[in-house]
C-alpha atoms as a PDB file:
ATOM      1  CA  MET A   1      16.155  -9.027  -9.954  1.00  0.00           C
ATOM      2  CA  TYR A   2      12.604  -9.092  -8.197  1.00  0.00           C
ATOM      3  CA  VAL A   3       9.903 -10.818  -7.333  1.00  0.00           C
ATOM      4  CA  SER A   4       5.884  -9.417  -6.911  1.00  0.00           C
ATOM      5  CA  THR A   5       4.350 -11.548  -4.939  1.00  0.00           C
ATOM      6  CA  ARG A   6       0.834 -11.005  -4.160  1.00  0.00           C
ATOM      7  CA  THR A   7      -0.764 -11.472  -0.738  1.00  0.00           C
ATOM      8  CA  ARG A   8      -4.008 -12.750   0.016  1.00  0.00           C
ATOM      9  CA  ARG A   9      -7.109 -10.415   0.543  1.00  0.00           C
ATOM     10  CA  VAL A  10      -8.623 -10.147   3.710  1.00  0.00           C
ATOM     11  CA  PRO A  11     -11.561  -9.346   5.177  1.00  0.00           C
ATOM     12  CA  ARG A  12     -11.646  -6.091   7.524  1.00  0.00           C
ATOM     13  CA  GLY A  13     -11.029  -7.122  11.113  1.00  0.00           C
ATOM     14  CA  ARG A  14      -8.351  -9.898  10.571  1.00  0.00           C
ATOM     15  CA  ALA A  15      -5.521  -7.584   9.069  1.00  0.00           C
ATOM     16  CA  PHE A  16      -3.535 -10.143  11.033  1.00  0.00           C
ATOM     17  CA  ALA A  17      -3.533 -12.191   7.964  1.00  0.00           C
ATOM     18  CA  LEU A  18      -1.691  -9.996   5.772  1.00  0.00           C
ATOM     19  CA  VAL A  19       1.177 -10.017   7.912  1.00  0.00           C
ATOM     20  CA  VAL A  20       1.105 -13.826   8.299  1.00  0.00           C
ATOM     21  CA  ALA A  21       1.286 -13.618   4.968  1.00  0.00           C
ATOM     22  CA  VAL A  22       4.161 -11.079   4.603  1.00  0.00           C
ATOM     23  CA  MET A  23       5.812 -13.110   7.041  1.00  0.00           C
ATOM     24  CA  ALA A  24       5.691 -16.634   4.798  1.00  0.00           C
ATOM     25  CA  LEU A  25       7.235 -14.573   1.374  1.00  0.00           C
ATOM     26  CA  PHE A  26      10.496 -13.749   3.558  1.00  0.00           C
ATOM     27  CA  GLY A  27      10.950 -16.883   5.436  1.00  0.00           C
ATOM     28  CA  ALA A  28      12.534 -18.516   2.290  1.00  0.00           C
ATOM     29  CA  VAL A  29      14.974 -14.650   2.455  1.00  0.00           C
ATOM     30  CA  ALA A  30      16.095 -15.629   5.570  1.00  0.00           C
ATOM     31  CA  ALA A  31      16.744 -19.253   5.564  1.00  0.00           C
ATOM     32  CA  ALA A  32      18.713 -18.299   2.499  1.00  0.00           C
ATOM     33  CA  ASN A  33      20.749 -16.041   4.189  1.00  0.00           C
ATOM     34  CA  ALA A  34      22.706 -17.135   7.002  1.00  0.00           C
ATOM     35  CA  GLY A  35      23.981 -12.906   8.032  1.00  0.00           C
ATOM     36  CA  ALA A  36      21.523 -10.193   8.911  1.00  0.00           C
ATOM     37  CA  VAL A  37      19.444  -9.283   6.221  1.00  0.00           C
ATOM     38  CA  THR A  38      18.832  -5.755   6.205  1.00  0.00           C
ATOM     39  CA  TYR A  39      15.521  -4.924   4.576  1.00  0.00           C
ATOM     40  CA  THR A  40      13.827  -1.794   3.528  1.00  0.00           C
ATOM     41  CA  ALA A  41       9.885  -1.151   3.471  1.00  0.00           C
ATOM     42  CA  LEU A  42       8.407   1.526   0.934  1.00  0.00           C
ATOM     43  CA  GLY A  43       5.081   2.722   0.636  1.00  0.00           C
ATOM     44  CA  ASP A  44       1.796   4.453   1.602  1.00  0.00           C
ATOM     45  CA  SER A  45      -0.646   4.514   4.598  1.00  0.00           C
ATOM     46  CA  TYR A  46      -1.131   0.526   4.500  1.00  0.00           C
ATOM     47  CA  ALA A  47       2.229   0.076   4.761  1.00  0.00           C
ATOM     48  CA  ALA A  48       2.589   2.822   7.353  1.00  0.00           C
ATOM     49  CA  GLY A  49       0.070   1.908   9.862  1.00  0.00           C
ATOM     50  CA  PRO A  50      -1.773   5.310  10.776  1.00  0.00           C
ATOM     51  CA  LEU A  51      -2.702   5.629  14.099  1.00  0.00           C
ATOM     52  CA  ILE A  52      -1.923   1.864  15.163  1.00  0.00           C
ATOM     53  CA  PRO A  53       0.678   2.361  18.253  1.00  0.00           C
ATOM     54  CA  ASN A  54       3.330   3.401  18.747  1.00  0.00           C
ATOM     55  CA  GLN A  55       3.799   5.687  16.429  1.00  0.00           C
ATOM     56  CA  SER A  56       6.923   7.556  15.354  1.00  0.00           C
ATOM     57  CA  LEU A  57       7.482  11.081  15.576  1.00  0.00           C
ATOM     58  CA  ASN A  58      10.024  10.701  12.586  1.00  0.00           C
ATOM     59  CA  PRO A  59       8.104  12.764  11.044  1.00  0.00           C
ATOM     60  CA  LEU A  60       4.756  12.605  12.719  1.00  0.00           C
ATOM     61  CA  GLY A  61       2.953  13.779   9.813  1.00  0.00           C
ATOM     62  CA  CYS A  62       3.654  10.029   8.288  1.00  0.00           C
ATOM     63  CA  PHE A  63       1.579   8.291  10.311  1.00  0.00           C
ATOM     64  CA  ARG A  64       3.949   5.099  10.655  1.00  0.00           C
ATOM     65  CA  SER A  65       3.795   2.881  13.295  1.00  0.00           C
ATOM     66  CA  ASP A  66       5.999   0.855  15.054  1.00  0.00           C
ATOM     67  CA  HIS A  67       3.670  -2.387  14.297  1.00  0.00           C
ATOM     68  CA  ASN A  68       2.882  -2.167  10.964  1.00  0.00           C
ATOM     69  CA  TYR A  69       3.986  -5.454   8.724  1.00  0.00           C
ATOM     70  CA  ALA A  70       6.961  -4.284   8.489  1.00  0.00           C
ATOM     71  CA  HIS A  71       8.273  -4.102  11.847  1.00  0.00           C
ATOM     72  CA  LEU A  72       6.519  -7.221  12.907  1.00  0.00           C
ATOM     73  CA  THR A  73       7.892  -9.173   9.984  1.00  0.00           C
ATOM     74  CA  ALA A  74      11.280  -7.925  10.688  1.00  0.00           C
ATOM     75  CA  SER A  75      10.743  -8.589  13.702  1.00  0.00           C
ATOM     76  CA  ALA A  76       9.702 -12.381  13.669  1.00  0.00           C
ATOM     77  CA  LYS A  77      12.613 -13.112  10.916  1.00  0.00           C
ATOM     78  CA  SER A  78      15.568 -11.116  12.487  1.00  0.00           C
ATOM     79  CA  LEU A  79      15.768  -8.917   9.472  1.00  0.00           C
ATOM     80  CA  THR A  80      17.833  -5.041  10.134  1.00  0.00           C
ATOM     81  CA  LEU A  81      15.044  -3.177   9.023  1.00  0.00           C
ATOM     82  CA  THR A  82      14.571   0.842   7.703  1.00  0.00           C
ATOM     83  CA  ASP A  83      11.199   1.786   7.015  1.00  0.00           C
ATOM     84  CA  VAL A  84      10.661   4.718   5.400  1.00  0.00           C
ATOM     85  CA  SER A  85       7.031   4.288   4.245  1.00  0.00           C
ATOM     86  CA  CYS A  86       4.786   7.399   4.556  1.00  0.00           C
ATOM     87  CA  SER A  87       0.818   7.897   4.775  1.00  0.00           C
ATOM     88  CA  GLY A  88      -0.773   9.637   1.700  1.00  0.00           C
ATOM     89  CA  ALA A  89       2.694   9.028  -0.447  1.00  0.00           C
ATOM     90  CA  THR A  90       2.415   8.233  -4.334  1.00  0.00           C
ATOM     91  CA  THR A  91       4.902   7.119  -6.516  1.00  0.00           C
ATOM     92  CA  ASN A  92       6.848  10.788  -6.753  1.00  0.00           C
ATOM     93  CA  ASP A  93       7.382  10.162  -3.566  1.00  0.00           C
ATOM     94  CA  MET A  94      10.042   7.203  -4.242  1.00  0.00           C
ATOM     95  CA  THR A  95      12.376   9.886  -5.345  1.00  0.00           C
ATOM     96  CA  GLU A  96      11.180  13.351  -4.058  1.00  0.00           C
ATOM     97  CA  ALA A  97      10.623  14.455  -0.254  1.00  0.00           C
ATOM     98  CA  GLN A  98       6.627  14.294   0.692  1.00  0.00           C
ATOM     99  CA  ASN A  99       5.351  17.380   2.247  1.00  0.00           C
ATOM    100  CA  VAL A 100       4.051  15.927   6.100  1.00  0.00           C
ATOM    101  CA  GLU A 101       3.925  18.165   9.086  1.00  0.00           C
ATOM    102  CA  PRO A 102       6.248  18.202  11.421  1.00  0.00           C
ATOM    103  CA  GLY A 103       8.955  18.171   8.372  1.00  0.00           C
ATOM    104  CA  PRO A 104       9.220  16.421   4.863  1.00  0.00           C
ATOM    105  CA  ASN A 105       9.468  12.983   4.539  1.00  0.00           C
ATOM    106  CA  PRO A 106      12.479  12.520   2.268  1.00  0.00           C
ATOM    107  CA  PRO A 107      12.425  10.430  -0.611  1.00  0.00           C
ATOM    108  CA  GLN A 108      12.099   7.145   0.567  1.00  0.00           C
ATOM    109  CA  PHE A 109      14.381   5.458  -2.359  1.00  0.00           C
ATOM    110  CA  ASN A 110      16.749   7.387   0.006  1.00  0.00           C
ATOM    111  CA  GLY A 111      16.027   4.085   2.621  1.00  0.00           C
ATOM    112  CA  LEU A 112      17.687   1.737  -0.522  1.00  0.00           C
ATOM    113  CA  ASN A 113      21.241   1.242  -0.844  1.00  0.00           C
ATOM    114  CA  THR A 114      23.329  -1.477  -2.609  1.00  0.00           C
ATOM    115  CA  SER A 115      23.655  -3.562   1.303  1.00  0.00           C
ATOM    116  CA  THR A 116      19.428  -4.162   0.973  1.00  0.00           C
ATOM    117  CA  GLY A 117      18.538  -7.361   0.751  1.00  0.00           C
ATOM    118  CA  VAL A 118      14.935  -7.202   0.627  1.00  0.00           C
ATOM    119  CA  VAL A 119      12.490  -4.564  -0.372  1.00  0.00           C
ATOM    120  CA  SER A 120       8.198  -4.434   0.317  1.00  0.00           C
ATOM    121  CA  LEU A 121       6.345  -1.765  -1.259  1.00  0.00           C
ATOM    122  CA  THR A 122       2.818  -1.282  -1.019  1.00  0.00           C
ATOM    123  CA  ILE A 123       2.120   1.786  -3.390  1.00  0.00           C
ATOM    124  CA  GLY A 124      -0.619   3.097  -6.214  1.00  0.00           C
ATOM    125  CA  GLY A 125      -3.420   3.556  -4.166  1.00  0.00           C
ATOM    126  CA  ASN A 126      -2.897   7.980  -3.954  1.00  0.00           C
ATOM    127  CA  ASP A 127      -1.389   7.733  -7.141  1.00  0.00           C
ATOM    128  CA  ILE A 128      -5.599   7.159  -7.857  1.00  0.00           C
ATOM    129  CA  GLY A 129      -6.958   8.948  -5.671  1.00  0.00           C
ATOM    130  CA  PHE A 130      -8.274   6.761  -2.276  1.00  0.00           C
ATOM    131  CA  THR A 131      -9.124  10.348  -0.692  1.00  0.00           C
ATOM    132  CA  GLU A 132     -10.987  11.730  -3.026  1.00  0.00           C
ATOM    133  CA  ILE A 133     -12.219   8.890  -4.268  1.00  0.00           C
ATOM    134  CA  ILE A 134     -13.984   8.458  -0.507  1.00  0.00           C
ATOM    135  CA  GLU A 135     -15.038  11.715  -0.228  1.00  0.00           C
ATOM    136  CA  ASN A 136     -16.339  11.912  -3.554  1.00  0.00           C
ATOM    137  CA  CYS A 137     -18.584   8.557  -2.877  1.00  0.00           C
ATOM    138  CA  ILE A 138     -19.726   8.900   0.783  1.00  0.00           C
ATOM    139  CA  THR A 139     -23.895   9.206   0.893  1.00  0.00           C
ATOM    140  CA  TYR A 140     -26.420   9.727   2.919  1.00  0.00           C
ATOM    141  CA  ASN A 141     -28.896   7.630   0.617  1.00  0.00           C
ATOM    142  CA  PRO A 142     -27.932   4.106   0.710  1.00  0.00           C
ATOM    143  CA  PHE A 143     -30.059   3.722  -2.459  1.00  0.00           C
ATOM    144  CA  SER A 144     -28.147   6.374  -4.724  1.00  0.00           C
ATOM    145  CA  THR A 145     -24.835   5.114  -6.871  1.00  0.00           C
ATOM    146  CA  PRO A 146     -22.649   8.656  -6.449  1.00  0.00           C
ATOM    147  CA  CYS A 147     -19.383   6.717  -6.840  1.00  0.00           C
ATOM    148  CA  LYS A 148     -20.324   5.145 -10.292  1.00  0.00           C
ATOM    149  CA  ASP A 149     -22.158   8.553 -11.865  1.00  0.00           C
ATOM    150  CA  LYS A 150     -19.315  10.624 -11.321  1.00  0.00           C
ATOM    151  CA  TYR A 151     -16.631   8.241 -12.165  1.00  0.00           C
ATOM    152  CA  ASP A 152     -18.165   5.328 -14.511  1.00  0.00           C
ATOM    153  CA  PRO A 153     -20.736   7.712 -16.299  1.00  0.00           C
ATOM    154  CA  GLY A 154     -21.859   6.467 -19.662  1.00  0.00           C
ATOM    155  CA  GLY A 155     -19.138   3.084 -19.180  1.00  0.00           C
ATOM    156  CA  LYS A 156     -16.543   5.181 -19.449  1.00  0.00           C
ATOM    157  CA  ASP A 157     -14.727   4.028 -16.189  1.00  0.00           C
ATOM    158  CA  GLN A 158     -12.327   6.600 -15.091  1.00  0.00           C
ATOM    159  CA  LEU A 159     -10.864   5.014 -12.229  1.00  0.00           C
ATOM    160  CA  ALA A 160      -9.876   1.949 -14.731  1.00  0.00           C
ATOM    161  CA  GLU A 161      -8.155   4.523 -16.777  1.00  0.00           C
ATOM    162  CA  ARG A 162      -6.461   5.650 -13.434  1.00  0.00           C
ATOM    163  CA  ILE A 163      -5.018   2.454 -12.765  1.00  0.00           C
ATOM    164  CA  ALA A 164      -3.720   1.781 -15.985  1.00  0.00           C
ATOM    165  CA  ASN A 165      -2.137   5.600 -16.047  1.00  0.00           C
ATOM    166  CA  ALA A 166      -0.501   4.544 -12.734  1.00  0.00           C
ATOM    167  CA  ALA A 167       1.086   1.322 -14.176  1.00  0.00           C
ATOM    168  CA  PRO A 168       4.095   2.287 -15.648  1.00  0.00           C
ATOM    169  CA  LYS A 169       4.499   4.653 -12.093  1.00  0.00           C
ATOM    170  CA  VAL A 170       4.616   1.187  -9.976  1.00  0.00           C
ATOM    171  CA  ALA A 171       7.207  -0.028 -12.925  1.00  0.00           C
ATOM    172  CA  ALA A 172       9.638   2.668 -12.985  1.00  0.00           C
ATOM    173  CA  VAL A 173       9.461   2.772  -9.036  1.00  0.00           C
ATOM    174  CA  LEU A 174      10.676  -1.543  -9.669  1.00  0.00           C
ATOM    175  CA  GLN A 175      13.466  -0.073 -11.695  1.00  0.00           C
ATOM    176  CA  GLY A 176      14.220   1.591  -9.792  1.00  0.00           C
ATOM    177  CA  ILE A 177      14.531  -0.094  -6.829  1.00  0.00           C
ATOM    178  CA  HIS A 178      16.676  -2.471  -8.367  1.00  0.00           C
ATOM    179  CA  SER A 179      19.104   0.396  -9.452  1.00  0.00           C
ATOM    180  CA  HIS A 180      19.359   1.581  -5.785  1.00  0.00           C
ATOM    181  CA  SER A 181      19.518  -2.328  -4.679  1.00  0.00           C
ATOM    182  CA  PRO A 182      20.333  -4.628  -6.971  1.00  0.00           C
ATOM    183  CA  ASP A 183      20.479  -7.501  -5.377  1.00  0.00           C
ATOM    184  CA  ALA A 184      17.306  -6.814  -3.387  1.00  0.00           C
ATOM    185  CA  ARG A 185      14.364  -9.254  -3.506  1.00  0.00           C
ATOM    186  CA  VAL A 186      11.303  -7.233  -3.867  1.00  0.00           C
ATOM    187  CA  PHE A 187       7.479  -8.075  -2.762  1.00  0.00           C
ATOM    188  CA  VAL A 188       5.326  -6.369  -3.886  1.00  0.00           C
ATOM    189  CA  VAL A 189       2.219  -6.432  -0.959  1.00  0.00           C
ATOM    190  CA  ASN A 190      -1.483  -5.441  -2.767  1.00  0.00           C
ATOM    191  CA  TYR A 191      -4.219  -3.975  -0.196  1.00  0.00           C
ATOM    192  CA  PRO A 192      -5.970  -6.252   1.853  1.00  0.00           C
ATOM    193  CA  GLN A 193      -9.891  -6.420   1.064  1.00  0.00           C
ATOM    194  CA  ILE A 194     -11.061  -2.712   2.252  1.00  0.00           C
ATOM    195  CA  LEU A 195     -15.376  -3.628   1.666  1.00  0.00           C
ATOM    196  CA  PRO A 196     -17.193  -6.382   2.509  1.00  0.00           C
ATOM    197  CA  THR A 197     -19.060  -8.537   0.368  1.00  0.00           C
ATOM    198  CA  GLY A 198     -22.535  -7.409  -1.248  1.00  0.00           C
ATOM    199  CA  ILE A 199     -24.035  -4.621  -0.504  1.00  0.00           C
ATOM    200  CA  GLY A 200     -21.353  -3.234   2.433  1.00  0.00           C
ATOM    201  CA  CYS A 201     -22.627  -1.896   5.546  1.00  0.00           C
ATOM    202  CA  TRP A 202     -23.968   1.379   5.541  1.00  0.00           C
ATOM    203  CA  PRO A 203     -24.169   3.707   7.776  1.00  0.00           C
ATOM    204  CA  THR A 204     -21.199   2.614   9.525  1.00  0.00           C
ATOM    205  CA  MET A 205     -19.231   3.205   5.823  1.00  0.00           C
ATOM    206  CA  PRO A 206     -21.623   5.627   3.902  1.00  0.00           C
ATOM    207  CA  LEU A 207     -21.268   4.358   0.703  1.00  0.00           C
ATOM    208  CA  GLY A 208     -24.429   3.521  -1.351  1.00  0.00           C
ATOM    209  CA  PHE A 209     -25.762  -0.180  -1.947  1.00  0.00           C
ATOM    210  CA  GLY A 210     -24.596  -0.315  -5.485  1.00  0.00           C
ATOM    211  CA  ASP A 211     -21.275   1.329  -5.302  1.00  0.00           C
ATOM    212  CA  VAL A 212     -19.763  -1.162  -3.042  1.00  0.00           C
ATOM    213  CA  PRO A 213     -19.601  -3.761  -5.797  1.00  0.00           C
ATOM    214  CA  TYR A 214     -17.944  -0.870  -8.317  1.00  0.00           C
ATOM    215  CA  LEU A 215     -15.150   0.325  -5.297  1.00  0.00           C
ATOM    216  CA  ARG A 216     -14.678  -3.527  -4.497  1.00  0.00           C
ATOM    217  CA  ALA A 217     -14.442  -4.469  -8.682  1.00  0.00           C
ATOM    218  CA  THR A 218     -12.032  -1.366  -9.032  1.00  0.00           C
ATOM    219  CA  GLU A 219      -9.915  -2.192  -5.603  1.00  0.00           C
ATOM    220  CA  GLU A 220      -9.093  -5.743  -7.367  1.00  0.00           C
ATOM    221  CA  ARG A 221      -8.621  -4.289 -11.012  1.00  0.00           C
ATOM    222  CA  LEU A 222      -5.610  -2.125  -8.690  1.00  0.00           C
ATOM    223  CA  ASN A 223      -3.953  -5.305  -7.242  1.00  0.00           C
ATOM    224  CA  SER A 224      -4.448  -6.877  -9.988  1.00  0.00           C
ATOM    225  CA  MET A 225      -2.616  -4.416 -12.039  1.00  0.00           C
ATOM    226  CA  LEU A 226       0.163  -4.677  -9.274  1.00  0.00           C
END
């Protein structure tokens, strides 16, 4: 059995609310289990916490923090944590080694076993190409819309198609977690709000005024899929 739970979307600068939401979810787990509960954290950079002190060296290329939401939740709820999240991860990296420096991050499913009691998962953003999207959408002209021009020409929304194509991959990950850890409760943690409302904050985040609502809607679509 798995429980898929959506976190509240939080404004920029208040990422601590994500931790509070996850901790609230896990409270029921801790209360229901008198003994030590083993918790495995899976996911990409939004789970790993790049550049947040202190960074793990195992491997350094995952940019995994000991103060990401998994570590803070495990500490607050007395859970025994195995954190195998890794920046840049896709759904494929659940079952395949991820090529990061100075060495590969093993398949994240290696962190699961039959005694795992809790699993959290934040994945899907890199399957739709988060990095590529930002690179193609950055603009020095706030009145241009390079993002919509590239990804939504003539009303054919390529990012919506990518999200739809990612859905069965995420479903397969959930099935894989269940196979490895059949007694675990699985919490699917959404992506917190990346962009502000309205037209954005160009040039701090150099995205066109017309592209910001489109990208916000794309993230909401991704979270709805999750």
